Structure formats: C-alpha cells, structure tokens
C-alpha atoms as a PDB file:
ATOM      1  CA  MET A   1      17.155 -53.774  19.040  1.00  0.00           C
ATOM      2  CA  ARG A   2      18.512 -54.141  22.586  1.00  0.00           C
ATOM      3  CA  ARG A   3      19.156 -50.407  22.882  1.00  0.00           C
ATOM      4  CA  GLU A   4      15.547 -49.765  22.042  1.00  0.00           C
ATOM      5  CA  TYR A   5      14.403 -52.104  24.825  1.00  0.00           C
ATOM      6  CA  LEU A   6      16.872 -50.522  27.238  1.00  0.00           C
ATOM      7  CA  GLY A   7      15.541 -47.053  26.438  1.00  0.00           C
ATOM      8  CA  TRP A   8      11.941 -48.154  26.977  1.00  0.00           C
ATOM      9  CA  GLY A   9      12.949 -49.906  30.198  1.00  0.00           C
ATOM     10  CA  ILE A  10      14.590 -46.776  31.580  1.00  0.00           C
ATOM     11  CA  PHE A  11      11.592 -44.686  30.530  1.00  0.00           C
ATOM     12  CA  GLY A  12       9.189 -47.118  32.197  1.00  0.00           C
ATOM     13  CA  ALA A  13      11.209 -47.148  35.402  1.00  0.00           C
ATOM     14  CA  ALA A  14      11.260 -43.342  35.524  1.00  0.00           C
ATOM     15  CA  VAL A  15       7.511 -43.074  34.930  1.00  0.00           C
ATOM     16  CA  GLY A  16       6.858 -45.746  37.564  1.00  0.00           C
ATOM     17  CA  THR A  17       9.046 -43.944  40.092  1.00  0.00           C
ATOM     18  CA  VAL A  18       7.301 -40.610  39.562  1.00  0.00           C
ATOM     19  CA  ALA A  19       3.860 -42.229  39.743  1.00  0.00           C
ATOM     20  CA  GLY A  20       4.852 -44.047  42.932  1.00  0.00           C
ATOM     21  CA  MET A  21       6.108 -40.853  44.550  1.00  0.00           C
ATOM     22  CA  LEU A  22       2.860 -39.027  43.707  1.00  0.00           C
ATOM     23  CA  LEU A  23       0.754 -41.875  45.064  1.00  0.00           C
ATOM     24  CA  TRP A  24       2.853 -42.069  48.241  1.00  0.00           C
ATOM     25  CA  SER A  25       2.529 -38.334  48.944  1.00  0.00           C
ATOM     26  CA  GLN A  26      -1.235 -38.538  48.458  1.00  0.00           C
ATOM     27  CA  GLN A  27      -1.453 -41.507  50.843  1.00  0.00           C
ATOM     28  CA  MET A  28       0.521 -39.612  53.484  1.00  0.00           C
ATOM     29  CA  ARG A  29      -1.765 -36.576  53.202  1.00  0.00           C
ATOM     30  CA  ASP A  30      -4.791 -38.828  53.559  1.00  0.00           C
ATOM     31  CA  ALA A  31      -3.295 -40.612  56.575  1.00  0.00           C
ATOM     32  CA  ARG A  32      -2.833 -37.301  58.352  1.00  0.00           C
ATOM     33  CA  ARG A  33      -6.439 -36.295  57.664  1.00  0.00           C
ATOM     34  CA  ALA A  34      -7.667 -39.624  59.038  1.00  0.00           C
ATOM     35  CA  LEU A  35      -6.524 -38.650  62.519  1.00  0.00           C
ATOM     36  CA  PHE A  36      -9.985 -37.196  63.171  1.00  0.00           C
ATOM     37  CA  SER A  37     -11.881 -39.894  61.249  1.00  0.00           C
ATOM     38  CA  ARG A  38     -14.979 -41.625  62.604  1.00  0.00           C
ATOM     39  CA  SER A  39     -13.217 -44.971  62.338  1.00  0.00           C
ATOM     40  CA  PRO A  40     -11.001 -45.900  65.313  1.00  0.00           C
ATOM     41  CA  VAL A  41      -8.896 -48.140  63.061  1.00  0.00           C
ATOM     42  CA  LYS A  42      -8.153 -45.240  60.713  1.00  0.00           C
ATOM     43  CA  ARG A  43      -7.326 -43.037  63.690  1.00  0.00           C
ATOM     44  CA  LEU A  44      -4.910 -45.662  65.009  1.00  0.00           C
ATOM     45  CA  ALA A  45      -3.215 -45.892  61.599  1.00  0.00           C
ATOM     46  CA  ALA A  46      -3.018 -42.106  61.393  1.00  0.00           C
ATOM     47  CA  LEU A  47      -1.420 -42.003  64.848  1.00  0.00           C
ATOM     48  CA  GLY A  48       1.279 -44.343  63.590  1.00  0.00           C
ATOM     49  CA  TYR A  49       1.983 -42.068  60.648  1.00  0.00           C
ATOM     50  CA  VAL A  50       1.955 -38.802  62.611  1.00  0.00           C
ATOM     51  CA  GLY A  51       4.070 -40.315  65.378  1.00  0.00           C
ATOM     52  CA  GLY A  52       6.753 -41.224  62.855  1.00  0.00           C
ATOM     53  CA  GLN A  53       7.015 -37.668  61.520  1.00  0.00           C
ATOM     54  CA  PRO A  54       8.364 -35.521  64.386  1.00  0.00           C
ATOM     55  CA  SER A  55       7.696 -31.815  63.854  1.00  0.00           C
ATOM     56  CA  VAL A  56       6.311 -28.904  65.833  1.00  0.00           C
ATOM     57  CA  GLU A  57       3.174 -28.947  63.694  1.00  0.00           C
ATOM     58  CA  ASN A  58       2.588 -32.653  64.366  1.00  0.00           C
ATOM     59  CA  ALA A  59       3.162 -32.116  68.100  1.00  0.00           C
ATOM     60  CA  ARG A  60       0.423 -29.462  68.084  1.00  0.00           C
ATOM     61  CA  LEU A  61      -1.800 -31.782  66.093  1.00  0.00           C
ATOM     62  CA  LEU A  62      -1.275 -34.594  68.626  1.00  0.00           C
ATOM     63  CA  ARG A  63      -2.023 -32.215  71.497  1.00  0.00           C
ATOM     64  CA  ASP A  64      -5.335 -31.267  69.857  1.00  0.00           C
ATOM     65  CA  TYR A  65      -6.038 -34.922  69.159  1.00  0.00           C
ATOM     66  CA  CYS A  66      -5.460 -35.890  72.817  1.00  0.00           C
ATOM     67  CA  ALA A  67      -8.041 -33.312  73.875  1.00  0.00           C
ATOM     68  CA  TRP A  68     -10.519 -34.508  71.217  1.00  0.00           C
ATOM     69  CA  GLU A  69     -10.189 -38.311  71.454  1.00  0.00           C
ATOM     70  CA  VAL A  70     -12.817 -40.095  73.560  1.00  0.00           C
ATOM     71  CA  ARG A  71     -11.346 -43.608  73.506  1.00  0.00           C
ATOM     72  CA  PRO A  72      -8.889 -44.026  76.389  1.00  0.00           C
ATOM     73  CA  ALA A  73      -6.587 -46.442  74.544  1.00  0.00           C
ATOM     74  CA  LEU A  74      -6.165 -44.108  71.575  1.00  0.00           C
ATOM     75  CA  ARG A  75      -5.747 -41.098  73.875  1.00  0.00           C
ATOM     76  CA  ARG A  76      -2.988 -42.937  75.785  1.00  0.00           C
ATOM     77  CA  ARG A  77      -1.242 -43.900  72.545  1.00  0.00           C
ATOM     78  CA  ALA A  78      -1.383 -40.298  71.352  1.00  0.00           C
ATOM     79  CA  GLY A  79       0.002 -39.126  74.707  1.00  0.00           C
ATOM     80  CA  VAL A  80       2.939 -41.537  74.444  1.00  0.00           C
ATOM     81  CA  LEU A  81       3.666 -40.360  70.911  1.00  0.00           C
ATOM     82  CA  LEU A  82       3.366 -36.717  71.943  1.00  0.00           C
ATOM     83  CA  ARG A  83       5.814 -37.137  74.842  1.00  0.00           C
ATOM     84  CA  ARG A  84       8.255 -38.965  72.578  1.00  0.00           C
ATOM     85  CA  MET A  85       7.958 -36.231  69.960  1.00  0.00           C
ATOM     86  CA  GLU A  86       8.495 -33.485  72.545  1.00  0.00           C
ATOM     87  CA  THR A  87      11.638 -35.274  73.754  1.00  0.00           C
ATOM     88  CA  ILE A  88      12.982 -35.520  70.208  1.00  0.00           C
ATOM     89  CA  LEU A  89      12.190 -31.888  69.398  1.00  0.00           C
ATOM     90  CA  GLY A  90      13.715 -30.692  72.647  1.00  0.00           C
END
C-alpha cells in the first residue's frame, strides 16, 4: 500500500513540476511583452524582468524602450538598466 502512495506522490510531483515550468515560461514571455503596455505599472514590472536577463537582444529592446517611453522616471530606470547590461555584456 505504501509503495502505491509513493508512486502516486512521485507522479504528482513530476506533473506539478512540469506544469509549473510551463506556467513560469508563459509568465516570462508575457512580462517581456508588457514592456510596451499602456499601464506604467506593467511597464515597470517588465523593466525588472528584462533588466534581470542580460542579453544583446534585451539591450536592443531597452534601447528601443528608452526612445519610446514618455515618462521620465521609467526612461531613467530603463537607462540605468541598459548601462548596467552593456557593462555586463562588455
């Protein structure tokens, strides 16, 4: 009887892990898209995500965002993240 429960427990943990990974990847894709959202709060959250993922593609994205953003505070934050990313990438 205990082996049966152990097997179901392992199966449940594996299914939960896979489902969590799929949900996480979808959330990350959505966070990146929110960079050009109408909502300043979503844009701020997206800046946090993009700033934590240094890559050449994200540096280009931040450069475009800095040119597009109209709010000075968000533009400054993006500029700080872009400079930090450029330093990391060399």
